[in-house]
Amino acid sequence: MPLYEFECGACAHIFERVMKVNEDLGGLVCPACGAVNPKKLIGRTRFHSRERYEERLARRMAARAAESKGAGNR
């Protein structure tokens, strides 16, 4: 599920919420002041599958291991 950012029109508080893509925003309230219907901010939303995440993590860990192994030879 993507992470969305909202701004309250009453107190200007910015907060985040993990929501389903098609989830209704009608019941959303500001956690700071309790005002209803905060404005959804435009931001970058990324969707990744678990397999893609694990692939990238494995590559990063391998690169770090290679860097530390190379630094140890100096």
Foldseek 3Di string as FASTA:
>chain_A
DKKWWWAAPPPRDIDIDDDDPPDDQQPDADPPPGHGDTHTDDDDIDDDDPVVVVVVVVVVVVVVVVVVVVVVVD
